[in-house]
Protein backbone atom coordinates (compact mmCIF):
# COMPACT_ATOMS: atom_id res chain seq x y z
CA MET A 1 -92.96 -199.20 137.34
CA ASN A 2 -90.29 -201.94 136.84
CA SER A 3 -91.00 -205.49 136.22
CA GLU A 4 -89.81 -206.56 139.77
CA GLY A 5 -92.14 -203.87 141.41
CA SER A 6 -95.01 -205.08 139.09
CA GLY A 7 -94.60 -208.68 140.02
CA LEU A 8 -94.52 -207.80 143.89
CA SER A 9 -97.73 -205.56 143.18
CA GLY A 10 -99.42 -208.49 141.51
CA SER A 11 -98.55 -211.02 144.38
CA ILE A 12 -99.84 -208.57 146.96
CA LEU A 13 -103.19 -207.71 144.99
CA ALA A 14 -103.65 -211.47 144.19
CA LEU A 15 -103.12 -212.76 147.71
CA LEU A 16 -105.28 -210.06 149.40
CA THR A 17 -108.07 -210.78 146.86
CA LEU A 18 -107.97 -214.47 147.43
CA ALA A 19 -107.42 -214.01 151.21
CA LEU A 20 -110.43 -211.89 151.76
CA PRO A 21 -113.23 -214.57 151.07
CA LEU A 22 -111.34 -216.99 153.19
CA VAL A 23 -111.13 -214.42 156.08
CA TYR A 24 -114.65 -213.63 155.61
CA SER A 25 -115.69 -217.22 155.81
CA VAL A 26 -114.01 -217.76 159.19
CA LEU A 27 -114.95 -214.47 160.71
CA VAL A 28 -118.31 -213.80 159.21
CA PRO A 29 -120.05 -212.90 162.42
CA TYR A 30 -117.56 -209.90 162.38
CA GLY A 31 -118.41 -209.10 158.79
CA ALA A 32 -118.58 -205.36 159.37
CA VAL A 33 -114.73 -205.54 160.50
CA VAL A 34 -113.70 -207.88 157.81
CA ASN A 35 -115.29 -205.59 155.00
CA VAL A 36 -112.78 -202.76 156.08
CA PRO A 37 -109.89 -204.30 154.21
CA ALA A 38 -112.12 -205.26 151.41
CA GLY A 39 -112.99 -201.55 151.07
CA LEU A 40 -109.33 -200.44 151.26
CA LEU A 41 -108.53 -203.07 148.67
CA LEU A 42 -111.10 -201.65 146.31
CA VAL A 43 -110.14 -198.01 146.87
CA GLY A 44 -106.57 -198.78 146.35
CA SER A 45 -107.31 -200.76 143.14
CA PHE A 46 -109.43 -198.04 141.80
CA ILE A 47 -106.69 -195.42 142.54
CA PHE A 48 -104.08 -197.61 140.79
CA TYR A 49 -106.43 -197.97 137.85
CA VAL A 50 -106.75 -194.13 137.46
CA TYR A 51 -102.97 -193.92 137.79
CA THR A 52 -102.17 -196.26 135.29
CA ARG A 53 -104.68 -194.75 132.79
CA SER A 54 -103.27 -191.14 133.51
CA GLN A 55 -99.84 -192.59 132.66
CA THR A 56 -101.01 -193.55 129.16
CA GLY A 57 -103.30 -190.33 128.75
CA ARG A 58 -106.37 -192.14 127.84
CA ILE A 59 -109.09 -194.56 129.03
CA ASP A 60 -110.35 -197.33 126.75
CA ARG A 61 -113.73 -196.43 125.09
CA SER A 62 -115.28 -199.52 126.27
CA HIS A 63 -114.19 -198.90 129.82
CA LEU A 64 -116.05 -195.68 129.49
CA LEU A 65 -119.23 -197.41 128.34
CA VAL A 66 -118.89 -199.54 131.63
CA PHE A 67 -118.55 -196.74 133.76
CA VAL A 68 -121.43 -194.92 132.08
CA ALA A 69 -123.56 -198.06 132.76
CA ALA A 70 -122.48 -197.97 136.43
CA LEU A 71 -123.35 -194.16 136.45
CA MET A 72 -126.92 -195.02 135.43
CA LEU A 73 -127.23 -197.37 138.45
CA VAL A 74 -125.85 -194.63 140.76
CA PHE A 75 -128.22 -192.05 139.20
CA ALA A 76 -131.26 -194.61 139.94
CA TYR A 77 -129.98 -194.78 143.57
CA ILE A 78 -129.88 -190.84 143.80
CA ILE A 79 -133.39 -190.66 142.42
CA SER A 80 -134.85 -193.38 144.72
CA SER A 81 -132.91 -191.90 147.78
CA ALA A 82 -134.18 -188.46 147.13
CA TYR A 83 -137.80 -189.81 146.73
CA ALA A 84 -137.51 -191.74 150.03
CA HIS A 85 -135.79 -188.86 151.87
CA ALA A 86 -132.95 -191.22 152.36
CA LEU A 87 -129.86 -189.28 151.18
CA ASN A 88 -127.40 -190.23 154.00
CA ILE A 89 -124.06 -191.85 154.40
CA GLY A 90 -125.51 -195.32 153.92
CA SER A 91 -126.73 -194.53 150.62
CA LEU A 92 -123.46 -192.77 149.62
CA LYS A 93 -121.75 -196.06 150.59
CA THR A 94 -123.95 -198.06 148.43
CA MET A 95 -123.45 -195.66 145.31
CA LEU A 96 -119.62 -195.68 145.97
CA GLN A 97 -119.46 -199.44 145.98
CA VAL A 98 -120.84 -199.56 142.50
CA PHE A 99 -117.91 -197.55 140.97
CA LEU A 100 -115.28 -199.26 143.21
CA ALA A 101 -116.47 -202.80 142.09
CA VAL A 102 -116.36 -201.69 138.54
CA GLY A 103 -113.05 -200.11 138.82
CA PHE A 104 -111.71 -203.22 140.58
CA PHE A 105 -112.86 -205.41 137.56
CA LEU A 106 -111.44 -203.00 135.02
CA ASN A 107 -108.14 -202.76 136.99
CA ALA A 108 -107.76 -206.53 137.05
CA GLN A 109 -108.40 -206.40 133.29
CA GLU A 110 -105.93 -203.71 132.44
CA ASN A 111 -103.27 -204.90 134.58
CA ALA A 112 -103.61 -208.67 134.14
CA LYS A 113 -99.87 -209.15 133.79
CA LEU A 114 -99.42 -207.95 137.40
CA TYR A 115 -101.38 -211.01 138.59
CA SER A 116 -100.23 -213.58 136.04
CA ARG A 117 -96.96 -215.16 137.43
CA SER A 118 -98.28 -214.91 141.03
CA LEU A 119 -101.31 -216.98 140.36
CA SER A 120 -99.47 -219.44 138.15
CA SER A 121 -96.80 -219.96 140.85
CA PHE A 122 -98.67 -219.98 144.05
CA LEU A 123 -102.41 -220.64 143.45
CA PRO A 124 -102.15 -224.37 143.05
CA THR A 125 -100.06 -224.85 146.09
CA LEU A 126 -102.17 -222.44 148.14
CA THR A 127 -105.23 -224.65 147.09
CA LEU A 128 -103.77 -227.91 148.33
CA VAL A 129 -102.44 -226.14 151.66
CA LEU A 130 -106.05 -224.92 152.20
CA PHE A 131 -107.39 -228.38 151.34
CA THR A 132 -106.75 -230.12 154.71
CA PRO A 133 -108.37 -227.48 156.94
CA ILE A 134 -111.32 -227.13 154.58
CA VAL A 135 -112.00 -230.88 154.51
CA ALA A 136 -111.67 -230.96 158.28
CA ALA A 137 -114.39 -228.17 158.50
CA LEU A 138 -116.48 -230.26 156.17
CA ILE A 139 -116.17 -233.28 158.17
CA TYR A 140 -116.74 -231.47 161.47
CA TYR A 141 -119.76 -229.41 160.44
CA ALA A 142 -121.31 -230.43 157.21
CA TRP A 143 -121.14 -234.24 157.78
CA GLY A 144 -122.77 -234.19 161.29
CA LEU A 145 -119.92 -233.95 163.93
CA GLY A 146 -120.69 -230.38 164.72
CA ASN A 147 -123.99 -228.33 164.64
CA SER A 148 -124.81 -227.45 161.09
CA GLY A 149 -128.51 -226.57 161.67
CA PRO A 150 -130.14 -223.17 161.09
CA GLY A 151 -128.24 -220.44 162.75
CA SER A 152 -125.03 -222.54 163.17
CA ILE A 153 -121.44 -221.34 162.35
CA TRP A 154 -121.44 -223.66 159.29
CA THR A 155 -124.79 -222.26 157.93
CA SER A 156 -123.10 -218.76 158.14
CA ILE A 157 -119.72 -219.58 156.42
CA LYS A 158 -120.55 -222.33 153.82
CA ASN A 159 -121.89 -219.90 151.22
CA SER A 160 -118.97 -217.63 151.42
CA LEU A 161 -116.53 -220.53 151.49
CA GLY A 162 -118.48 -222.12 148.40
CA ALA A 163 -117.95 -218.92 146.38
CA MET A 164 -114.33 -218.85 146.98
CA LEU A 165 -114.01 -222.57 145.97
CA LEU A 166 -116.03 -221.78 142.81
CA ALA A 167 -113.41 -219.16 141.91
CA LEU A 168 -110.68 -221.52 142.74
CA VAL A 169 -111.97 -224.24 140.48
CA LEU A 170 -111.94 -221.93 137.47
CA LEU A 171 -108.64 -220.37 138.21
CA ASN A 172 -106.97 -223.76 138.77
CA TYR A 173 -108.59 -224.96 135.53
CA LEU A 174 -107.25 -222.15 133.53
CA ILE A 175 -103.81 -222.55 135.05
CA ARG A 176 -103.86 -226.19 134.21
CA ARG A 177 -104.85 -225.36 130.65
CA GLU A 178 -102.17 -223.11 130.09
CA LYS A 179 -99.48 -225.01 131.71
CA LYS A 180 -100.40 -227.98 129.39
CA LEU A 181 -100.42 -225.70 126.22
CA HIS A 182 -96.92 -224.56 127.04
CA GLY A 183 -95.65 -228.12 127.58
CA ASP A 184 -95.15 -227.46 131.41
CA SER A 185 -96.03 -229.97 134.11
CA SER A 186 -99.63 -229.75 135.15
CA ALA A 187 -99.67 -232.19 137.77
CA LEU A 188 -99.87 -229.73 140.52
CA ALA A 189 -102.52 -227.68 139.06
CA THR A 190 -104.51 -230.85 138.16
CA ALA A 191 -104.39 -231.97 141.81
CA ALA A 192 -105.57 -228.35 142.91
CA LEU A 193 -108.44 -228.45 140.55
CA VAL A 194 -109.53 -231.78 141.90
CA ALA A 195 -109.17 -230.61 145.43
CA SER A 196 -111.01 -227.38 145.01
CA LEU A 197 -113.90 -229.10 142.95
CA THR A 198 -114.11 -231.87 145.61
CA CYS A 199 -114.45 -229.31 148.38
CA LEU A 200 -116.99 -227.22 146.54
CA ILE A 201 -119.29 -230.16 146.01
CA ALA A 202 -118.88 -231.58 149.37
CA SER A 203 -119.48 -228.07 150.98
CA GLY A 204 -123.29 -228.25 150.15
CA SER A 205 -123.29 -224.55 149.11
CA ARG A 206 -126.25 -224.87 146.80
CA GLY A 207 -125.72 -221.43 145.29
CA SER A 208 -122.16 -222.14 144.35
CA ILE A 209 -122.88 -225.65 143.01
CA LEU A 210 -125.59 -224.17 140.92
CA ALA A 211 -123.42 -221.43 139.66
CA LEU A 212 -120.87 -224.14 138.49
CA PHE A 213 -123.66 -226.00 136.69
CA VAL A 214 -124.83 -222.85 134.99
CA THR A 215 -121.14 -222.17 134.02
CA VAL A 216 -120.91 -225.58 132.41
CA LEU A 217 -124.22 -225.21 130.81
CA GLY A 218 -123.31 -221.83 129.25
CA PHE A 219 -120.04 -223.22 127.96
CA ARG A 220 -122.03 -226.05 126.14
CA LEU A 221 -124.66 -223.70 124.93
CA TRP A 222 -122.27 -221.27 123.38
CA PHE A 223 -123.33 -222.18 119.83
CA ILE A 224 -126.57 -220.19 120.28
CA ARG A 225 -126.57 -216.93 118.37
CA PRO A 226 -126.87 -214.12 119.13
CA LYS A 227 -125.04 -214.74 122.36
CA VAL A 228 -126.73 -212.20 124.39
CA ILE A 229 -129.67 -214.47 124.30
CA LEU A 230 -127.88 -216.56 126.94
CA LEU A 231 -127.66 -213.49 129.17
CA LEU A 232 -131.45 -212.54 128.58
CA GLY A 233 -132.33 -216.11 129.08
CA LEU A 234 -130.64 -216.24 132.54
CA PHE A 235 -132.37 -212.96 133.51
CA PHE A 236 -135.64 -214.58 132.62
CA PHE A 237 -135.04 -217.76 134.58
CA ILE A 238 -134.01 -215.76 137.67
CA GLY A 239 -137.18 -213.80 137.65
CA ALA A 240 -139.19 -216.77 137.12
CA PHE A 241 -137.32 -218.58 140.03
CA ILE A 242 -137.91 -215.66 142.38
CA LEU A 243 -141.72 -215.53 141.56
CA ILE A 244 -142.17 -219.28 142.05
CA TYR A 245 -140.20 -219.34 145.32
CA ILE A 246 -142.16 -216.59 146.92
CA ASN A 247 -145.40 -218.40 146.09
CA LEU A 248 -144.23 -221.87 147.20
CA GLY A 249 -146.64 -221.72 150.29
CA THR A 250 -149.56 -221.47 147.93
CA LEU A 251 -148.77 -224.97 146.35
CA ALA A 252 -150.94 -227.95 147.24
CA ASN A 253 -148.15 -230.48 147.28
CA LEU A 254 -145.58 -228.32 149.22
CA ALA A 255 -145.15 -230.97 151.91
CA LEU A 256 -144.32 -233.66 149.32
CA MET A 257 -141.91 -231.37 147.54
CA LYS A 258 -140.16 -230.50 150.84
CA GLY A 259 -139.84 -234.22 151.78
CA ARG A 260 -138.44 -234.99 148.47
CA VAL A 261 -135.86 -232.19 148.55
CA GLN A 262 -134.82 -233.27 152.21
CA SER A 263 -134.37 -236.86 151.21
CA LEU A 264 -132.34 -236.13 148.07
CA THR A 265 -130.19 -233.15 149.25
CA GLY A 266 -130.37 -233.36 153.14
CA GLN A 267 -131.39 -229.76 153.13
CA ASN A 268 -134.60 -227.95 153.64
CA LEU A 269 -136.44 -226.57 150.71
CA TYR A 270 -136.91 -223.35 152.67
CA SER A 271 -134.18 -221.31 153.93
CA GLY A 272 -135.51 -218.25 155.41
CA ARG A 273 -136.01 -216.76 151.84
CA GLN A 274 -139.74 -217.67 152.12
CA LEU A 275 -139.98 -215.08 154.80
CA ILE A 276 -137.71 -212.31 153.45
CA TRP A 277 -138.49 -212.32 149.74
CA PRO A 278 -142.30 -211.87 150.12
CA ALA A 279 -141.72 -209.11 152.67
CA ILE A 280 -139.39 -207.28 150.37
CA ILE A 281 -142.00 -207.48 147.47
CA GLU A 282 -144.77 -206.25 149.72
CA ALA A 283 -142.62 -203.37 151.26
CA VAL A 284 -141.63 -202.10 147.65
CA ARG A 285 -145.39 -202.47 146.52
CA SER A 286 -146.53 -200.28 149.42
CA HIS A 287 -143.80 -197.66 148.84
CA SER A 288 -142.85 -197.38 145.10
CA ILE A 289 -142.41 -200.19 142.69
CA TRP A 290 -140.61 -197.69 140.43
CA LEU A 291 -138.20 -196.21 142.90
CA GLY A 292 -138.06 -198.45 145.91
CA LEU A 293 -137.29 -197.40 149.42
CA GLY A 294 -133.83 -195.78 148.87
CA ALA A 295 -130.19 -196.98 148.50
CA ASP A 296 -129.71 -197.51 152.20
CA ALA A 297 -132.61 -199.99 152.59
CA LEU A 298 -131.68 -203.47 153.45
CA ALA A 299 -133.72 -206.73 154.20
CA SER A 300 -133.22 -205.79 158.02
CA THR A 301 -134.99 -202.46 157.32
CA VAL A 302 -138.06 -204.45 155.92
CA MET A 303 -138.04 -206.96 158.76
CA LYS A 304 -138.01 -204.30 161.35
CA MET A 305 -141.22 -202.92 159.82
CA GLN A 306 -142.82 -206.26 160.91
CA GLY A 307 -141.42 -206.15 164.26
CA ILE A 308 -138.57 -208.65 163.75
CA TYR A 309 -135.24 -207.09 165.08
CA LYS A 310 -132.63 -209.33 163.67
CA SER A 311 -129.76 -208.89 161.03
CA TRP A 312 -131.11 -210.17 157.95
CA SER A 313 -129.83 -210.52 154.32
CA ALA A 314 -131.92 -210.40 151.20
CA HIS A 315 -130.00 -213.45 149.92
CA ASP A 316 -130.65 -212.12 146.32
CA LEU A 317 -128.72 -209.18 144.64
CA TYR A 318 -131.50 -208.44 142.22
CA LEU A 319 -134.13 -208.17 145.07
CA GLN A 320 -131.86 -206.08 147.01
CA VAL A 321 -131.54 -203.55 144.19
CA TYR A 322 -135.42 -203.93 143.60
CA LEU A 323 -135.96 -202.97 147.28
CA GLN A 324 -133.53 -200.02 147.08
CA ALA A 325 -134.31 -198.61 143.63
CA GLY A 326 -137.34 -200.49 142.32
CA ILE A 327 -137.87 -201.23 138.62
CA LEU A 328 -135.65 -198.26 137.72
CA GLY A 329 -132.67 -199.72 139.65
CA CYS A 330 -133.25 -203.28 138.35
CA ALA A 331 -133.23 -201.92 134.63
CA ALA A 332 -129.92 -199.99 135.33
CA LEU A 333 -128.24 -203.11 136.98
CA ALA A 334 -129.32 -205.16 133.89
CA THR A 335 -127.82 -202.37 131.59
CA LEU A 336 -124.40 -202.65 133.67
CA PHE A 337 -124.49 -206.51 133.25
CA VAL A 338 -125.03 -206.14 129.64
CA ALA A 339 -122.15 -203.53 129.42
CA LEU A 340 -119.94 -206.00 131.20
CA TRP A 341 -120.83 -208.88 129.07
CA ARG A 342 -119.83 -206.75 125.96
CA GLU A 343 -116.58 -205.76 127.59
CA ILE A 344 -115.67 -209.42 128.50
CA ARG A 345 -116.48 -210.43 124.81
CA ALA A 346 -114.77 -207.61 123.33
CA HIS A 347 -111.45 -208.10 125.23
CA ALA A 348 -111.00 -211.72 125.83
CA ALA A 349 -107.71 -213.20 124.58
CA ASP A 350 -109.22 -215.58 122.19
CA ALA A 351 -112.47 -217.51 121.23
CA TRP A 352 -111.96 -220.08 123.94
CA HIS A 353 -111.33 -217.40 126.77
CA GLU A 354 -114.33 -215.60 125.49
CA ARG A 355 -116.45 -218.51 125.78
CA THR A 356 -115.19 -219.58 129.10
CA ALA A 357 -115.40 -216.05 130.67
CA CYS A 358 -118.84 -215.28 129.52
CA SER A 359 -120.01 -218.86 130.83
CA PHE A 360 -118.41 -218.05 134.31
CA PHE A 361 -120.09 -214.62 134.23
CA LEU A 362 -123.43 -216.37 133.66
CA GLY A 363 -122.62 -218.71 136.71
CA VAL A 364 -121.88 -215.67 138.92
CA LEU A 365 -125.01 -214.01 137.94
CA ALA A 366 -126.84 -217.20 138.86
CA TYR A 367 -124.98 -217.18 142.22
CA GLU A 368 -126.32 -213.66 142.80
CA ALA A 369 -129.83 -215.01 142.88
CA PHE A 370 -128.96 -216.65 146.23
CA GLU A 371 -126.42 -214.17 147.82
CA VAL A 372 -125.45 -210.57 147.59
CA SER A 373 -121.58 -210.33 146.84
CA LEU A 374 -120.88 -208.52 143.45
CA LEU A 375 -122.22 -205.33 145.04
CA GLN A 376 -122.79 -204.30 148.71
CA ASN A 377 -123.16 -206.89 151.38
CA ASN A 378 -120.42 -209.62 150.67
CA LEU A 379 -117.89 -207.51 148.77
CA SER A 380 -115.15 -209.46 150.56
CA VAL A 381 -116.45 -212.39 148.70
CA GLY A 382 -117.27 -210.59 145.61
CA VAL A 383 -113.77 -209.22 144.95
CA VAL A 384 -112.53 -212.80 143.88
CA PHE A 385 -115.31 -212.86 141.20
CA TRP A 386 -114.35 -209.48 139.97
CA MET A 387 -110.72 -210.49 139.69
CA THR A 388 -111.45 -213.69 137.92
CA LEU A 389 -113.67 -212.01 135.50
CA GLY A 390 -111.11 -209.23 134.89
CA LEU A 391 -108.36 -211.69 134.30
CA MET A 392 -110.36 -213.65 131.79
CA ALA A 393 -111.44 -210.43 129.89
CA SER A 394 -107.78 -209.35 129.41
CA ARG A 395 -106.17 -209.53 125.96
CA PRO A 396 -102.70 -210.83 127.12
CA ARG A 397 -102.29 -214.51 127.88
CA TYR A 398 -102.59 -213.73 131.59
CA LEU A 399 -101.93 -217.00 133.16
CA SER A 400 -98.91 -218.07 131.04
CA THR A 401 -95.62 -218.76 132.88
CA LYS A 402 -93.77 -217.86 129.87
CA LEU A 403 -95.29 -214.29 128.98
CA SER A 404 -91.92 -213.00 128.03
CA THR A 405 -91.64 -215.39 125.13
CA PHE A 406 -95.17 -215.32 123.87
CA SER A 407 -97.23 -212.69 122.31
CA CYS A 408 -100.79 -212.95 120.82
CA SER A 409 -100.30 -209.58 119.08
CA PRO A 410 -99.14 -209.47 115.42
CA THR A 411 -95.87 -207.99 114.57
CA VAL A 412 -95.08 -206.07 111.54
CA SER A 413 -91.79 -206.98 109.63
CA LEU A 414 -89.44 -204.13 108.50
CA ALA A 415 -89.93 -205.06 104.81
CA GLY A 416 -93.63 -203.77 105.25
CA ALA A 417 -95.00 -207.27 104.81
CA PRO A 418 -98.50 -207.80 106.09
CA PRO A 419 -98.73 -208.64 110.02
CA VAL A 420 -97.69 -212.13 110.84
CA ALA A 421 -98.41 -213.78 114.25
CA ARG A 422 -95.21 -214.49 116.18
CA ILE A 423 -95.19 -217.99 117.37
CA PRO A 424 -92.09 -219.25 119.20
CA GLU A 425 -90.86 -222.58 117.69
CA GLY A 426 -91.10 -224.56 120.93
CA HIS A 427 -94.55 -223.76 121.52
CA LYS A 428 -96.33 -224.57 118.41
CA ARG A 429 -97.54 -228.08 119.25
CA GLY A 430 -99.67 -226.70 122.20
CA PHE A 431 -101.34 -223.85 120.83
CA ASP A 432 -105.07 -223.53 120.07
CA ALA A 433 -106.49 -223.96 116.58
CA ILE A 434 -107.10 -220.16 116.49
CA PHE A 435 -103.38 -219.42 116.65
CA ARG A 436 -102.60 -222.01 114.14
CA ARG A 437 -104.98 -220.41 111.77
CA THR A 438 -103.60 -217.07 112.46
CA ALA A 439 -100.04 -218.17 111.61
CA ARG A 440 -101.15 -220.00 108.34
CA SER A 441 -103.21 -217.06 106.97
CA GLY A 442 -100.35 -214.67 107.88
CA ALA A 443 -97.91 -216.84 106.16
CA GLU A 444 -100.08 -217.02 102.99
CA GLU A 445 -100.47 -213.35 102.93
CA THR A 446 -96.67 -212.71 103.37
CA ALA A 447 -96.07 -215.14 100.36
CA ALA A 448 -98.65 -213.34 98.19
CA ALA A 449 -97.00 -210.01 98.86
CA ASP A 450 -93.76 -211.35 97.68
CA GLU A 451 -95.01 -212.61 94.26
CA PRO A 452 -94.29 -210.23 91.40
CA ASN A 453 -97.87 -209.32 90.65
CA GLY A 454 -98.72 -209.23 94.28
CA GLY A 455 -100.29 -212.65 94.09
CA ARG A 456 -104.02 -213.57 94.48
CA THR A 457 -106.11 -211.57 96.89
CA ARG A 458 -108.34 -213.41 99.33
CA SER A 459 -111.76 -211.77 100.00
CA SER A 460 -112.43 -210.90 103.58
């Protein structure tokens, strides 16, 4: 594929990925229709990933580990569905989505250059173009001019809109940083960052705002070792939050807590989850806590058992997997997230991108405690998370507008000298300390190799 065709492919993929959450936000009552292009995008991306891998004749070993972890989750779904006699089209769809979502992430990671110039060129402008209609919607619905109560349009769209804004905040932040490092004007990216952050906070999407908070907290706590403690700690707090929330009704000072939350945030402490989550726990307990009710089970299935015929969402990815595949499915899902965590850490461009990517991953996992988007229900929203994570877990400097003049990879001289990082003269001032250290150590080794006795050897 030539560079012009690659750039066009990147533009189309990036535009579709960013457009889907926005379209889903506007047309959320027609979610089944909107999810069709999301499915086509995932299938097309997976085919493109397989094609590019077949061209090179190999699949990265770490990619195989991620696919094996995904296979474990699928295997848990097969066992639970067979036990519940629910091996049907719905179950197959749930299983297929696991592979497609993971494949989309790996494709974004493997072909990050296809997205790079597209995002750098149009994303800040697109954010500012969207700013006016989003602010208009915020004023009309969220600030009292339109109906923003339970069951209103605003209640339906604000969470998916908040998820998109969360991704826009991070992407615009990365673009701004890259432009500043390369001495380019970052005014447009700065304005886009401020606009997306303002809209996110004003949206009142509690899950997205919490995800942003967890992202910043994870970035600040990156000094903790081993790093996996951050991931396991988040799993612990998510589990504790679910247990506390489903038992809120037993608290003696519940009325006082509800009043305090209402006065501080303007929103009710309860959001319907107090009905759905205990029902899910009880349904799994009465069937099988180890295997759940089958891969096709949804919150609506549980509520129908109680005579409530309405479209419901679990509003929690972990509880939805628990409903479908029990403890076995939750263990497999945790294994998949650990594999993705290792993949991000192993393939980030440098220490700063590793830290930022893992922090955002923690934020996304926190968001999944309030919504279901990485897998299943709202994949039209989840694709922007998968794309952002894939780009941040890529070795190339993916958001650089000068990719042709910059390389993170060492080059080997014809004289057989040790690898030296190739750093263009015009970019030296803006580079991170890690690249300066790489260049300095490479220069020292080259000088040592030129001495008659080979110079002094440094211990590794």
